[in-house]
Amino acid sequence: MDLQTFTYGKYAESVHSAFVAQHILPEQRLLADEAGWESVLAYIKDEDVAERLRAKWMREQGRLTNGGSSVERWTELEAEIDKAGSLLLP
């Protein structure tokens, strides 16, 4: 991989992340309620990670509004997966 390809890949990844955070998650409210987050947590291979997030989100239910909950919860999900080195189910 050359530098130009690497740089473009990182740029595309950054644009994608920003688009998801600013448009997709707030508008679709994917993680705004228990039904939504359960459908996402079903794809987490590491049950400990899924359970930590489930417990945290249940405690915080109703605290976040206007789709912000989906953005914040997605960030928490990514951090937990990175921390644990977990993989998504295929």
Protein backbone atom coordinates (compact mmCIF):
# COMPACT_ATOMS: atom_id res chain seq x y z
CA MET A 1 0.00 0.00 0.00
CA ASP A 2 1.40 3.35 -0.96
CA LEU A 3 1.11 6.54 1.08
CA GLN A 4 -1.61 7.99 -1.16
CA THR A 5 -3.81 4.91 -0.74
CA PHE A 6 -3.18 4.88 3.02
CA THR A 7 -3.99 8.59 3.33
CA TYR A 8 -7.16 8.24 1.25
CA GLY A 9 -8.23 5.23 3.31
CA LYS A 10 -7.81 7.15 6.57
CA TYR A 11 -9.65 10.15 5.10
CA ALA A 12 -12.53 7.98 3.89
CA GLU A 13 -12.71 6.29 7.29
CA SER A 14 -12.83 9.68 8.99
CA VAL A 15 -15.56 10.99 6.68
CA HIS A 16 -17.58 7.81 7.18
CA SER A 17 -17.27 8.03 10.96
CA ALA A 18 -18.34 11.67 10.96
CA PHE A 19 -21.32 10.94 8.71
CA VAL A 20 -22.46 8.06 10.89
CA ALA A 21 -22.08 10.12 14.08
CA GLN A 22 -23.76 13.25 12.71
CA HIS A 23 -26.53 11.77 10.59
CA ILE A 24 -27.17 8.04 10.79
CA LEU A 25 -27.11 7.49 14.56
CA PRO A 26 -29.08 10.60 15.60
CA GLU A 27 -31.69 10.25 12.87
CA GLN A 28 -32.27 6.51 13.11
CA ARG A 29 -31.89 6.39 16.91
CA LEU A 30 -30.49 2.87 16.60
CA LEU A 31 -29.38 2.68 20.24
CA ALA A 32 -31.99 4.99 21.74
CA ASP A 33 -34.00 2.25 23.44
CA GLU A 34 -33.65 -1.28 24.77
CA ALA A 35 -35.06 -2.95 21.65
CA GLY A 36 -32.54 -1.13 19.48
CA TRP A 37 -29.49 -1.78 21.61
CA GLU A 38 -30.41 -5.43 22.10
CA SER A 39 -30.46 -5.91 18.32
CA VAL A 40 -26.93 -4.47 18.14
CA LEU A 41 -25.57 -6.28 21.22
CA ALA A 42 -26.67 -9.57 19.66
CA TYR A 43 -23.71 -9.18 17.27
CA ILE A 44 -21.10 -8.86 20.03
CA LYS A 45 -19.16 -12.10 20.37
CA ASP A 46 -17.87 -11.34 23.87
CA GLU A 47 -20.84 -11.73 26.23
CA ASP A 48 -18.98 -9.87 29.03
CA VAL A 49 -18.71 -6.79 26.81
CA ALA A 50 -22.36 -7.04 25.82
CA GLU A 51 -23.45 -7.46 29.43
CA ARG A 52 -21.38 -4.47 30.66
CA LEU A 53 -22.93 -2.25 28.01
CA ARG A 54 -26.42 -3.62 28.62
CA ALA A 55 -26.17 -2.93 32.36
CA LYS A 56 -24.76 0.56 31.83
CA TRP A 57 -27.41 1.49 29.29
CA MET A 58 -30.23 0.15 31.45
CA ARG A 59 -29.02 2.34 34.34
CA GLU A 60 -28.87 5.38 32.06
CA GLN A 61 -32.15 4.76 30.26
CA GLY A 62 -34.05 8.01 29.76
CA ARG A 63 -31.02 10.18 30.59
CA LEU A 64 -30.14 10.96 26.99
CA THR A 65 -32.49 12.51 24.45
CA ASN A 66 -32.82 13.60 20.82
CA GLY A 67 -30.82 10.74 19.35
CA GLY A 68 -27.74 11.73 21.33
CA SER A 69 -28.06 8.49 23.19
CA SER A 70 -27.35 6.54 20.02
CA VAL A 71 -24.19 8.55 19.33
CA GLU A 72 -22.91 8.28 22.89
CA ARG A 73 -23.79 4.61 23.15
CA TRP A 74 -22.10 3.85 19.82
CA THR A 75 -18.93 5.54 21.10
CA GLU A 76 -19.14 3.46 24.28
CA LEU A 77 -19.68 0.32 22.22
CA GLU A 78 -16.60 1.01 20.09
CA ALA A 79 -14.49 1.73 23.18
CA GLU A 80 -15.57 -1.48 24.94
CA ILE A 81 -14.88 -3.57 21.86
CA ASP A 82 -11.44 -1.97 21.41
CA LYS A 83 -10.61 -2.40 25.09
CA ALA A 84 -11.61 -6.05 25.16
CA GLY A 85 -10.29 -6.86 21.69
CA SER A 86 -13.71 -8.34 21.00
CA LEU A 87 -14.95 -9.29 17.60
CA LEU A 88 -18.36 -8.99 16.07
CA LEU A 89 -20.09 -12.21 15.19
CA PRO A 90 -19.80 -13.05 11.49
